[in-house]
Structure formats: C-alpha cells, structure tokens
Amino acid sequence: MSGTLTTTQAYANRARQFYRNEGRMITMPEQEKVLYSISEVCKLLNVSDDTIRRMIKAGQLDGVKVRGQWRIRKESVDRYLGRSS
C-alpha cells in the first residue's frame, strides 16, 4: 500500500495544485467528456429538454442520475447520431 494515496492525501494534493495555479483549475484536454448534461445534449440534438427526458424514458438515450441531475452517456448520443464512439 505504499504507492496508494489515502483520500485525505488525494484531497491535499488537489488543494496544493489548485493554489499553485492561483485558484484556476486546470482541465486536461486529453480527457474526453463521457457524460453530458441535458442542456448539452439539447444543444447537440437541437431539441428541448422535455424531448431529451422523453428519449431517456423511452430508452433511446442512456441516462443516469448523478446527485439528482440527469447525465447522458457520450456513447449513447453518438449511437443515436449514428456515429461510432
């Protein structure tokens, strides 16, 4: 276990990184987004949020709730649009 960080150590490292960057969080461009919010999918598909909710309910899009908010998997949106992931 010498190579693993405890949760407290991981948070401390993240806080140090945050302060080193003067309060600006650095996003990693190589990290591709895998979950979209309903509003993001609305913009991608040019439909209303009610339509996205109906599509989730009908099984046309795979959605999961994260802290009470719907998130739609990128693979699901790509599949709906006929793109390969």
N, C-alpha and C. Protein backbone atom coordinates (compact mmCIF):
# COMPACT_ATOMS: atom_id res chain seq x y z
N MET A 1 0.80 -1.21 0.00
CA MET A 1 0.00 0.00 0.00
C MET A 1 0.84 1.26 0.00
N SER A 2 2.11 1.12 -0.13
CA SER A 2 2.97 2.29 -0.07
C SER A 2 2.74 3.23 -1.25
N GLY A 3 2.26 2.71 -2.39
CA GLY A 3 2.05 3.54 -3.56
C GLY A 3 0.67 4.19 -3.64
N THR A 4 -0.24 3.84 -2.75
CA THR A 4 -1.59 4.38 -2.81
C THR A 4 -1.75 5.57 -1.88
N LEU A 5 -2.57 6.51 -2.32
CA LEU A 5 -2.87 7.69 -1.51
C LEU A 5 -4.16 7.47 -0.75
N THR A 6 -4.19 7.98 0.45
CA THR A 6 -5.46 7.97 1.18
C THR A 6 -6.32 9.09 0.60
N THR A 7 -7.58 9.07 0.92
CA THR A 7 -8.49 10.11 0.44
C THR A 7 -8.01 11.48 0.90
N THR A 8 -7.57 11.58 2.14
CA THR A 8 -7.09 12.85 2.67
C THR A 8 -5.87 13.34 1.91
N GLN A 9 -4.95 12.45 1.59
CA GLN A 9 -3.76 12.83 0.84
C GLN A 9 -4.13 13.29 -0.57
N ALA A 10 -5.08 12.60 -1.19
CA ALA A 10 -5.51 12.96 -2.54
C ALA A 10 -6.13 14.35 -2.54
N TYR A 11 -6.97 14.65 -1.54
CA TYR A 11 -7.57 15.99 -1.44
C TYR A 11 -6.51 17.05 -1.18
N ALA A 12 -5.54 16.73 -0.35
CA ALA A 12 -4.47 17.68 -0.06
C ALA A 12 -3.66 17.97 -1.31
N ASN A 13 -3.34 16.94 -2.09
CA ASN A 13 -2.62 17.14 -3.35
C ASN A 13 -3.42 18.01 -4.31
N ARG A 14 -4.72 17.76 -4.40
CA ARG A 14 -5.58 18.55 -5.30
C ARG A 14 -5.62 20.01 -4.85
N ALA A 15 -5.69 20.24 -3.53
CA ALA A 15 -5.71 21.61 -3.00
C ALA A 15 -4.39 22.32 -3.30
N ARG A 16 -3.27 21.62 -3.14
CA ARG A 16 -1.97 22.23 -3.45
C ARG A 16 -1.89 22.60 -4.93
N GLN A 17 -2.39 21.73 -5.79
CA GLN A 17 -2.39 22.01 -7.23
C GLN A 17 -3.25 23.23 -7.52
N PHE A 18 -4.39 23.33 -6.87
CA PHE A 18 -5.31 24.46 -7.06
C PHE A 18 -4.62 25.76 -6.68
N TYR A 19 -3.97 25.80 -5.54
CA TYR A 19 -3.32 27.03 -5.08
C TYR A 19 -2.08 27.36 -5.90
N ARG A 20 -1.37 26.34 -6.37
CA ARG A 20 -0.22 26.59 -7.24
C ARG A 20 -0.65 27.28 -8.53
N ASN A 21 -1.84 27.00 -8.98
CA ASN A 21 -2.36 27.59 -10.21
C ASN A 21 -3.17 28.85 -9.94
N GLU A 22 -2.93 29.46 -8.78
CA GLU A 22 -3.57 30.72 -8.38
C GLU A 22 -5.09 30.63 -8.43
N GLY A 23 -5.63 29.52 -7.99
CA GLY A 23 -7.08 29.39 -7.89
C GLY A 23 -7.76 28.97 -9.18
N ARG A 24 -6.99 28.78 -10.24
CA ARG A 24 -7.59 28.35 -11.51
C ARG A 24 -7.43 26.84 -11.64
N MET A 25 -8.55 26.16 -11.82
CA MET A 25 -8.46 24.71 -12.01
C MET A 25 -8.00 24.45 -13.44
N ILE A 26 -7.10 23.55 -13.58
CA ILE A 26 -6.56 23.21 -14.89
C ILE A 26 -7.31 21.98 -15.41
N THR A 27 -7.89 22.11 -16.57
CA THR A 27 -8.56 20.96 -17.16
C THR A 27 -7.59 20.27 -18.11
N MET A 28 -7.73 18.99 -18.22
CA MET A 28 -6.83 18.23 -19.05
C MET A 28 -7.48 18.01 -20.41
N PRO A 29 -6.91 18.58 -21.46
CA PRO A 29 -7.52 18.46 -22.78
C PRO A 29 -7.60 17.04 -23.30
N GLU A 30 -6.66 16.17 -22.86
CA GLU A 30 -6.70 14.80 -23.36
C GLU A 30 -7.82 13.99 -22.73
N GLN A 31 -8.44 14.53 -21.70
CA GLN A 31 -9.52 13.83 -21.03
C GLN A 31 -10.84 14.16 -21.74
N GLU A 32 -11.39 13.21 -22.44
CA GLU A 32 -12.61 13.43 -23.20
C GLU A 32 -13.83 13.29 -22.30
N LYS A 33 -14.81 14.13 -22.54
CA LYS A 33 -16.03 14.11 -21.75
C LYS A 33 -16.82 12.84 -22.05
N VAL A 34 -17.29 12.17 -20.99
CA VAL A 34 -18.04 10.93 -21.20
C VAL A 34 -19.50 11.07 -20.79
N LEU A 35 -19.83 12.10 -20.02
CA LEU A 35 -21.21 12.34 -19.62
C LEU A 35 -21.60 13.77 -19.97
N TYR A 36 -22.79 13.91 -20.54
CA TYR A 36 -23.32 15.23 -20.88
C TYR A 36 -24.52 15.55 -20.00
N SER A 37 -24.74 16.83 -19.76
CA SER A 37 -25.96 17.27 -19.07
C SER A 37 -27.08 17.31 -20.10
N ILE A 38 -28.30 17.42 -19.62
CA ILE A 38 -29.45 17.51 -20.52
C ILE A 38 -29.32 18.74 -21.43
N SER A 39 -28.90 19.87 -20.87
CA SER A 39 -28.79 21.08 -21.69
C SER A 39 -27.74 20.94 -22.78
N GLU A 40 -26.64 20.22 -22.50
CA GLU A 40 -25.62 20.00 -23.53
C GLU A 40 -26.16 19.12 -24.66
N VAL A 41 -26.92 18.09 -24.30
CA VAL A 41 -27.50 17.21 -25.33
C VAL A 41 -28.57 17.96 -26.12
N CYS A 42 -29.32 18.84 -25.46
CA CYS A 42 -30.31 19.68 -26.17
C CYS A 42 -29.65 20.46 -27.29
N LYS A 43 -28.50 21.05 -26.98
CA LYS A 43 -27.77 21.85 -27.99
C LYS A 43 -27.23 20.96 -29.11
N LEU A 44 -26.72 19.77 -28.74
CA LEU A 44 -26.18 18.86 -29.76
C LEU A 44 -27.26 18.37 -30.73
N LEU A 45 -28.45 18.07 -30.17
CA LEU A 45 -29.52 17.50 -30.99
C LEU A 45 -30.54 18.53 -31.46
N ASN A 46 -30.40 19.75 -30.95
CA ASN A 46 -31.31 20.84 -31.31
C ASN A 46 -32.77 20.49 -30.98
N VAL A 47 -32.97 20.02 -29.75
CA VAL A 47 -34.32 19.68 -29.27
C VAL A 47 -34.48 20.25 -27.86
N SER A 48 -35.69 20.19 -27.33
CA SER A 48 -35.96 20.72 -26.00
C SER A 48 -35.53 19.74 -24.91
N ASP A 49 -35.45 20.25 -23.68
CA ASP A 49 -35.09 19.37 -22.57
C ASP A 49 -36.18 18.33 -22.31
N ASP A 50 -37.45 18.68 -22.54
CA ASP A 50 -38.53 17.69 -22.40
C ASP A 50 -38.36 16.53 -23.37
N THR A 51 -37.91 16.84 -24.58
CA THR A 51 -37.67 15.80 -25.58
C THR A 51 -36.56 14.86 -25.12
N ILE A 52 -35.49 15.43 -24.56
CA ILE A 52 -34.39 14.60 -24.07
C ILE A 52 -34.88 13.69 -22.94
N ARG A 53 -35.70 14.23 -22.03
CA ARG A 53 -36.24 13.42 -20.93
C ARG A 53 -37.12 12.29 -21.47
N ARG A 54 -37.92 12.57 -22.50
CA ARG A 54 -38.75 11.53 -23.11
C ARG A 54 -37.88 10.46 -23.77
N MET A 55 -36.80 10.89 -24.41
CA MET A 55 -35.89 9.95 -25.07
C MET A 55 -35.22 9.03 -24.04
N ILE A 56 -34.89 9.58 -22.88
CA ILE A 56 -34.31 8.76 -21.81
C ILE A 56 -35.33 7.74 -21.34
N LYS A 57 -36.55 8.23 -21.10
CA LYS A 57 -37.62 7.34 -20.62
C LYS A 57 -37.94 6.25 -21.63
N ALA A 58 -37.88 6.58 -22.92
CA ALA A 58 -38.19 5.61 -23.97
C ALA A 58 -37.02 4.66 -24.26
N GLY A 59 -35.86 4.95 -23.67
CA GLY A 59 -34.70 4.10 -23.90
C GLY A 59 -33.89 4.45 -25.13
N GLN A 60 -34.20 5.58 -25.76
CA GLN A 60 -33.44 6.00 -26.93
C GLN A 60 -32.07 6.56 -26.55
N LEU A 61 -31.98 7.11 -25.35
CA LEU A 61 -30.71 7.60 -24.80
C LEU A 61 -30.51 6.96 -23.44
N ASP A 62 -29.25 6.61 -23.13
CA ASP A 62 -28.93 6.04 -21.82
C ASP A 62 -28.59 7.18 -20.87
N GLY A 63 -29.42 7.34 -19.85
CA GLY A 63 -29.17 8.39 -18.87
C GLY A 63 -29.01 7.82 -17.48
N VAL A 64 -28.22 8.51 -16.68
CA VAL A 64 -28.05 8.16 -15.27
C VAL A 64 -28.24 9.42 -14.45
N LYS A 65 -28.75 9.24 -13.25
CA LYS A 65 -28.90 10.39 -12.36
C LYS A 65 -27.68 10.49 -11.46
N VAL A 66 -27.10 11.67 -11.44
CA VAL A 66 -25.95 11.95 -10.58
C VAL A 66 -26.36 13.11 -9.69
N ARG A 67 -26.52 12.81 -8.40
CA ARG A 67 -26.96 13.81 -7.42
C ARG A 67 -28.24 14.52 -7.87
N GLY A 68 -29.16 13.73 -8.40
CA GLY A 68 -30.47 14.25 -8.79
C GLY A 68 -30.53 14.91 -10.16
N GLN A 69 -29.40 14.97 -10.86
CA GLN A 69 -29.35 15.57 -12.19
C GLN A 69 -29.09 14.49 -13.24
N TRP A 70 -29.83 14.54 -14.35
CA TRP A 70 -29.61 13.57 -15.41
C TRP A 70 -28.29 13.83 -16.11
N ARG A 71 -27.58 12.76 -16.42
CA ARG A 71 -26.39 12.79 -17.25
C ARG A 71 -26.56 11.72 -18.31
N ILE A 72 -26.20 12.08 -19.54
CA ILE A 72 -26.37 11.17 -20.68
C ILE A 72 -24.98 10.75 -21.16
N ARG A 73 -24.81 9.46 -21.36
CA ARG A 73 -23.51 8.94 -21.79
C ARG A 73 -23.20 9.37 -23.23
N LYS A 74 -21.94 9.72 -23.45
CA LYS A 74 -21.48 10.13 -24.78
C LYS A 74 -21.73 9.04 -25.81
N GLU A 75 -21.47 7.79 -25.42
CA GLU A 75 -21.68 6.68 -26.35
C GLU A 75 -23.13 6.60 -26.80
N SER A 76 -24.03 6.93 -25.89
CA SER A 76 -25.45 6.89 -26.21
C SER A 76 -25.81 7.96 -27.24
N VAL A 77 -25.27 9.17 -27.05
CA VAL A 77 -25.52 10.26 -28.01
C VAL A 77 -24.91 9.91 -29.36
N ASP A 78 -23.68 9.39 -29.34
CA ASP A 78 -23.02 9.00 -30.59
C ASP A 78 -23.82 7.92 -31.32
N ARG A 79 -24.31 6.94 -30.56
CA ARG A 79 -25.11 5.87 -31.16
C ARG A 79 -26.39 6.43 -31.78
N TYR A 80 -27.04 7.36 -31.07
CA TYR A 80 -28.26 7.96 -31.58
C TYR A 80 -28.00 8.72 -32.88
N LEU A 81 -26.85 9.40 -32.93
CA LEU A 81 -26.48 10.18 -34.13
C LEU A 81 -25.87 9.31 -35.24
N GLY A 82 -25.69 8.02 -34.94
CA GLY A 82 -25.13 7.12 -35.95
C GLY A 82 -23.64 7.20 -36.07
N ARG A 83 -22.97 7.76 -35.05
CA ARG A 83 -21.50 7.85 -35.05
C ARG A 83 -20.94 6.67 -34.27
N SER A 84 -19.75 6.27 -34.63
CA SER A 84 -19.09 5.24 -33.81
C SER A 84 -18.29 5.95 -32.73
N SER A 85 -18.29 5.37 -31.51
CA SER A 85 -17.59 6.00 -30.38
C SER A 85 -16.11 5.83 -30.47
